[in-house]
N, C-alpha and C. Protein backbone atom coordinates (compact mmCIF):
# COMPACT_ATOMS: atom_id res chain seq x y z
N MET A 1 0.80 -1.57 0.35
CA MET A 1 -0.20 0.12 0.44
C MET A 1 1.10 1.45 0.19
N ALA A 2 2.16 1.31 0.79
CA ALA A 2 2.81 1.95 0.82
C ALA A 2 3.47 2.68 -0.89
N PHE A 3 4.06 1.88 -1.58
CA PHE A 3 4.23 1.42 -2.91
C PHE A 3 3.25 2.88 -3.81
N VAL A 4 1.74 2.13 -3.15
CA VAL A 4 0.79 2.44 -4.00
C VAL A 4 0.63 3.96 -3.79
N LEU A 5 0.81 4.70 -2.50
CA LEU A 5 0.93 5.66 -2.13
C LEU A 5 2.06 6.86 -2.79
N LEU A 6 3.05 5.64 -2.56
CA LEU A 6 4.63 6.62 -3.22
C LEU A 6 4.27 7.12 -4.16
N GLY A 7 3.71 5.60 -5.19
CA GLY A 7 3.66 6.19 -6.78
C GLY A 7 2.49 7.39 -7.27
N GLY A 8 1.96 7.09 -6.42
CA GLY A 8 0.43 8.70 -6.43
C GLY A 8 0.83 9.49 -6.55
N PHE A 9 2.11 10.11 -5.16
CA PHE A 9 2.81 11.18 -4.72
C PHE A 9 3.61 11.58 -6.35
N VAL A 10 4.49 10.39 -6.74
CA VAL A 10 5.42 10.71 -7.63
C VAL A 10 4.56 11.43 -8.81
N VAL A 11 3.57 10.23 -9.51
CA VAL A 11 2.91 11.00 -10.94
C VAL A 11 2.58 12.24 -10.57
N MET A 12 1.73 12.73 -9.37
CA MET A 12 1.31 14.21 -8.85
C MET A 12 2.31 14.97 -9.32
N SER A 13 3.64 14.36 -8.36
CA SER A 13 4.59 15.66 -8.38
C SER A 13 4.97 15.84 -9.60
N LEU A 14 5.58 15.08 -10.41
CA LEU A 14 6.21 15.25 -11.91
C LEU A 14 5.11 15.68 -12.68
N TRP A 15 3.42 15.12 -12.72
CA TRP A 15 2.55 16.56 -13.93
C TRP A 15 3.07 17.27 -13.34
N ASN A 16 2.40 17.87 -11.85
CA ASN A 16 2.38 19.23 -11.52
C ASN A 16 3.84 20.02 -11.65
N TRP A 17 4.76 19.12 -12.19
CA TRP A 17 5.90 20.38 -11.87
C TRP A 17 6.41 20.13 -13.77
N LEU A 18 5.76 19.27 -14.22
CA LEU A 18 6.30 18.88 -16.09
C LEU A 18 5.37 19.84 -16.89
N ILE A 19 3.49 19.07 -16.43
CA ILE A 19 3.09 19.29 -17.71
C ILE A 19 2.72 20.82 -18.11
N PRO A 20 2.03 21.49 -16.79
CA PRO A 20 1.32 22.63 -17.46
C PRO A 20 2.21 23.70 -17.25
N SER A 21 3.90 23.19 -17.48
CA SER A 21 4.38 24.12 -18.29
C SER A 21 4.84 24.02 -19.22
N ILE A 22 4.98 22.91 -19.32
CA ILE A 22 5.23 22.37 -21.08
C ILE A 22 4.44 22.27 -22.31
N PHE A 23 2.94 21.98 -21.41
CA PHE A 23 2.04 21.49 -22.50
C PHE A 23 0.44 22.70 -21.97
N GLY A 24 0.74 23.45 -20.98
CA GLY A 24 -0.10 24.18 -20.54
C GLY A 24 -1.09 23.56 -19.96
N LEU A 25 -1.19 22.26 -19.73
CA LEU A 25 -2.42 21.47 -19.24
C LEU A 25 -2.78 22.48 -17.39
N GLY A 26 -3.61 22.22 -17.22
CA GLY A 26 -3.37 22.25 -15.47
C GLY A 26 -3.35 21.08 -14.95
N VAL A 27 -2.98 21.52 -13.41
CA VAL A 27 -2.41 20.69 -12.33
C VAL A 27 -3.67 19.66 -11.83
N ILE A 28 -3.29 18.49 -11.41
CA ILE A 28 -3.95 17.21 -10.56
C ILE A 28 -3.87 17.04 -9.26
N THR A 29 -5.02 16.38 -9.14
CA THR A 29 -4.98 16.08 -7.77
C THR A 29 -4.57 14.82 -7.50
N PHE A 30 -4.19 14.21 -5.76
CA PHE A 30 -3.02 13.27 -5.36
C PHE A 30 -4.31 11.99 -5.49
N ALA A 31 -5.73 12.64 -6.00
CA ALA A 31 -6.32 11.25 -6.50
C ALA A 31 -6.70 10.91 -8.14
N GLN A 32 -6.29 11.83 -8.62
CA GLN A 32 -6.46 11.73 -10.62
C GLN A 32 -5.00 11.16 -10.27
N ALA A 33 -4.15 11.70 -9.67
CA ALA A 33 -3.00 10.71 -9.59
C ALA A 33 -2.79 9.63 -9.70
N LEU A 34 -3.64 8.94 -9.04
CA LEU A 34 -3.58 7.79 -8.81
C LEU A 34 -4.51 6.97 -9.96
N GLY A 35 -5.58 7.82 -10.05
CA GLY A 35 -6.10 7.42 -11.30
C GLY A 35 -4.99 7.67 -12.70
N LEU A 36 -4.60 8.17 -12.74
CA LEU A 36 -3.53 7.98 -14.05
C LEU A 36 -2.43 7.35 -13.48
N LEU A 37 -2.17 6.35 -12.53
CA LEU A 37 -1.44 5.25 -12.33
C LEU A 37 -2.32 3.81 -12.94
N VAL A 38 -3.17 3.91 -12.24
CA VAL A 38 -3.81 2.94 -12.48
C VAL A 38 -4.07 1.92 -14.25
N LEU A 39 -4.86 3.66 -15.11
CA LEU A 39 -5.31 3.71 -16.10
C LEU A 39 -3.43 3.72 -16.87
N SER A 40 -2.74 3.83 -16.20
CA SER A 40 -1.25 3.72 -17.17
C SER A 40 -0.73 1.88 -16.63
N LYS A 41 -1.20 1.35 -15.80
CA LYS A 41 -1.05 -0.04 -15.42
C LYS A 41 -2.39 -0.90 -16.76
N ILE A 42 -2.78 -0.28 -16.46
CA ILE A 42 -3.83 -0.92 -17.30
C ILE A 42 -3.29 -0.95 -18.40
N LEU A 43 -3.57 0.26 -19.51
CA LEU A 43 -2.98 0.19 -21.19
C LEU A 43 -1.76 -0.38 -21.11
N PHE A 44 -0.73 -0.24 -20.06
CA PHE A 44 0.66 -0.82 -20.75
C PHE A 44 1.01 -2.12 -20.14
N GLY A 45 0.72 -1.83 -18.84
CA GLY A 45 1.35 -3.31 -17.71
C GLY A 45 0.41 -4.48 -17.73
N GLY A 46 -0.82 -4.09 -17.91
CA GLY A 46 -1.73 -5.09 -17.34
C GLY A 46 -1.77 -6.36 -16.02
N PHE A 47 -2.61 -6.77 -16.10
CA PHE A 47 -2.53 -7.36 -14.45
C PHE A 47 -2.67 -8.73 -14.81
N ARG A 48 -1.70 -8.90 -15.32
CA ARG A 48 -1.44 -10.57 -15.46
C ARG A 48 -0.97 -10.91 -14.28
N GLY A 49 -1.23 -12.08 -13.92
CA GLY A 49 -0.85 -12.93 -12.53
C GLY A 49 -1.10 -11.94 -11.26
N GLY A 50 -2.11 -11.08 -11.30
CA GLY A 50 -2.21 -10.41 -10.10
C GLY A 50 -1.06 -10.06 -9.41
N HIS A 51 -0.30 -9.05 -10.19
CA HIS A 51 1.23 -8.52 -9.10
C HIS A 51 1.03 -7.40 -9.99
N TRP A 52 1.55 -6.36 -9.46
CA TRP A 52 1.69 -5.28 -10.84
C TRP A 52 3.41 -5.26 -10.63
N GLY A 53 4.19 -6.42 -10.58
CA GLY A 53 5.42 -6.37 -10.74
C GLY A 53 6.06 -6.77 -12.05
N GLY A 54 7.04 -7.01 -12.31
CA GLY A 54 7.58 -7.63 -13.49
C GLY A 54 7.58 -6.78 -14.77
N GLY A 55 6.94 -5.49 -14.60
CA GLY A 55 7.34 -5.32 -16.01
C GLY A 55 7.17 -5.35 -17.31
N CYS A 56 8.20 -5.51 -18.30
CA CYS A 56 8.15 -5.91 -19.51
C CYS A 56 8.43 -7.21 -19.56
N GLY A 57 9.81 -7.50 -18.67
CA GLY A 57 9.85 -8.43 -19.54
C GLY A 57 9.02 -9.66 -18.62
N GLY A 58 7.51 -9.45 -18.09
CA GLY A 58 6.92 -10.51 -17.65
C GLY A 58 6.44 -10.57 -18.93
N GLY A 59 5.51 -9.39 -19.68
CA GLY A 59 4.87 -9.76 -20.72
C GLY A 59 5.78 -10.35 -21.48
N LEU A 60 6.76 -10.33 -21.80
CA LEU A 60 7.75 -10.36 -22.54
C LEU A 60 7.72 -12.38 -22.91
N GLN A 61 7.57 -12.75 -21.54
CA GLN A 61 8.08 -14.20 -20.89
C GLN A 61 6.37 -15.03 -21.50
N PHE A 62 5.51 -14.72 -21.26
CA PHE A 62 4.02 -14.25 -21.59
C PHE A 62 3.73 -14.70 -22.65
N TRP A 63 4.21 -13.80 -23.58
CA TRP A 63 4.47 -14.19 -24.99
C TRP A 63 5.19 -14.76 -25.56
N LYS A 64 6.57 -15.33 -24.89
CA LYS A 64 7.39 -16.26 -25.42
C LYS A 64 6.58 -18.05 -25.21
N HIS A 65 5.84 -17.85 -24.07
CA HIS A 65 5.53 -19.12 -23.76
C HIS A 65 4.05 -19.24 -24.61
N ARG A 66 2.99 -18.40 -24.74
CA ARG A 66 2.68 -18.70 -25.47
C ARG A 66 2.66 -19.36 -26.68
N MET A 67 3.68 -18.39 -27.66
CA MET A 67 4.10 -18.59 -29.21
C MET A 67 4.89 -20.37 -28.76
N ALA A 68 5.53 -20.67 -27.85
CA ALA A 68 6.44 -21.98 -27.55
C ALA A 68 4.95 -22.93 -28.03
N GLU A 69 3.63 -22.74 -26.91
CA GLU A 69 2.56 -23.35 -26.80
C GLU A 69 2.24 -23.56 -29.09
N ARG A 70 2.34 -22.86 -29.33
CA ARG A 70 1.70 -22.58 -30.96
C ARG A 70 2.28 -23.59 -31.84
N TRP A 71 3.87 -23.13 -31.60
CA TRP A 71 4.59 -24.05 -32.21
C TRP A 71 4.85 -25.48 -31.98
N ASP A 72 4.52 -25.96 -30.59
CA ASP A 72 4.54 -27.66 -30.71
C ASP A 72 3.14 -28.48 -31.24
N LYS A 73 1.70 -27.33 -31.44
CA LYS A 73 0.96 -27.42 -31.97
C LYS A 73 0.87 -27.58 -33.44
N MET A 74 1.72 -26.80 -34.40
CA MET A 74 1.87 -26.86 -35.44
C MET A 74 2.48 -28.39 -36.25
N THR A 75 2.44 -28.55 -37.70
CA THR A 75 2.53 -29.84 -37.76
C THR A 75 3.80 -28.92 -38.55
N PRO A 76 4.40 -29.99 -39.40
CA PRO A 76 6.08 -28.91 -39.92
C PRO A 76 5.77 -28.33 -41.23
N GLU A 77 4.78 -28.70 -41.99
CA GLU A 77 3.91 -27.85 -42.78
C GLU A 77 4.11 -26.83 -42.63
N GLU A 78 3.24 -26.59 -41.53
CA GLU A 78 2.44 -25.21 -40.73
C GLU A 78 3.72 -24.60 -40.41
N ARG A 79 4.76 -25.25 -39.71
CA ARG A 79 5.97 -24.35 -38.84
C ARG A 79 6.61 -23.87 -40.30
N HIS A 80 6.56 -24.95 -41.58
CA HIS A 80 7.47 -24.23 -42.89
C HIS A 80 6.71 -22.95 -42.95
N ASP A 81 5.35 -22.75 -43.46
CA ASP A 81 4.53 -21.75 -43.87
C ASP A 81 4.61 -20.38 -43.06
N TYR A 82 4.94 -20.51 -41.54
CA TYR A 82 4.78 -19.45 -40.62
C TYR A 82 5.79 -19.04 -40.89
N LYS A 83 7.42 -19.84 -41.10
CA LYS A 83 8.52 -19.19 -41.39
C LYS A 83 8.40 -18.69 -42.52
N GLN A 84 8.24 -19.02 -43.66
CA GLN A 84 8.36 -18.37 -44.90
C GLN A 84 7.71 -16.81 -44.78
N LYS A 85 6.29 -17.22 -44.11
CA LYS A 85 5.50 -15.74 -43.91
C LYS A 85 5.91 -14.60 -43.26
N MET A 86 6.78 -15.11 -42.02
CA MET A 86 7.51 -13.88 -41.51
C MET A 86 9.02 -13.91 -42.24
N ARG A 87 9.55 -14.46 -42.71
CA ARG A 87 10.54 -13.76 -43.82
C ARG A 87 9.67 -13.17 -44.79
N ASN A 88 8.93 -13.44 -45.27
CA ASN A 88 8.37 -12.40 -45.66
C ASN A 88 7.92 -11.07 -45.37
N VAL A 89 6.93 -11.38 -44.58
CA VAL A 89 6.53 -9.69 -43.73
C VAL A 89 8.29 -9.14 -43.43
N TRP A 90 9.17 -9.79 -42.89
CA TRP A 90 10.24 -8.78 -41.81
C TRP A 90 11.44 -8.53 -43.66
N GLY A 91 11.40 -9.42 -44.43
CA GLY A 91 11.88 -8.66 -45.37
C GLY A 91 11.77 -7.69 -46.16
N ARG A 92 10.11 -7.18 -45.96
CA ARG A 92 9.86 -6.48 -46.65
C ARG A 92 9.79 -5.17 -45.74
N TRP A 93 9.63 -5.12 -44.49
CA TRP A 93 9.92 -4.54 -43.51
C TRP A 93 11.21 -3.98 -44.11
N ASN A 94 12.29 -4.94 -44.07
CA ASN A 94 14.21 -4.40 -44.30
C ASN A 94 14.47 -3.57 -45.21
N ALA A 95 13.52 -4.28 -46.48
CA ALA A 95 13.49 -3.24 -47.70
C ALA A 95 12.92 -2.15 -47.95
N ARG A 96 11.66 -2.24 -47.36
CA ARG A 96 11.58 -0.42 -46.92
C ARG A 96 12.59 0.18 -45.95
N ARG A 97 12.76 -0.33 -45.32
CA ARG A 97 13.71 0.52 -44.10
C ARG A 97 14.87 0.93 -45.07
N GLU A 98 15.26 0.03 -46.10
CA GLU A 98 16.95 0.45 -46.97
C GLU A 98 16.50 1.56 -48.04
N ASP A 99 14.98 0.91 -48.63
CA ASP A 99 14.42 2.16 -49.66
C ASP A 99 14.43 3.45 -49.09
N LYS A 100 13.91 3.65 -47.40
CA LYS A 100 14.15 5.04 -46.87
C LYS A 100 15.70 5.26 -46.20
N ASP A 101 16.16 4.75 -46.17
CA ASP A 101 18.07 5.27 -46.11
C ASP A 101 18.23 5.75 -46.73
N PHE A 102 17.83 5.05 -48.11
CA PHE A 102 18.61 5.46 -48.97
C PHE A 102 18.30 6.79 -49.91
N GLU A 103 17.10 7.23 -48.87
CA GLU A 103 16.01 8.52 -49.85
C GLU A 103 17.03 9.81 -48.82
N ASP A 104 17.35 9.71 -47.60
CA ASP A 104 17.67 10.27 -46.57
C ASP A 104 18.73 10.95 -47.09
């Protein structure tokens, strides 16, 4: 509970110090700062596992595990098709990136 309260105070302090002078928006209350903290957790961190820790690493492990499960269920033909699809997608992305670098 202390970390939540401290987090709310930090969000409120940083917002009230930076945002009004940079963007011309108003100051926020402590309750609004707690609301922003919860909203950012929902939008960017999620609530998987029922804990607030883990950061991006927890999400990355979740997606790795999910992909490993899907991979195990694929036939060799499906794996080959998937690999080819990813090569095509990333190959086109790299080609577009190289074209953009060439234009600069």
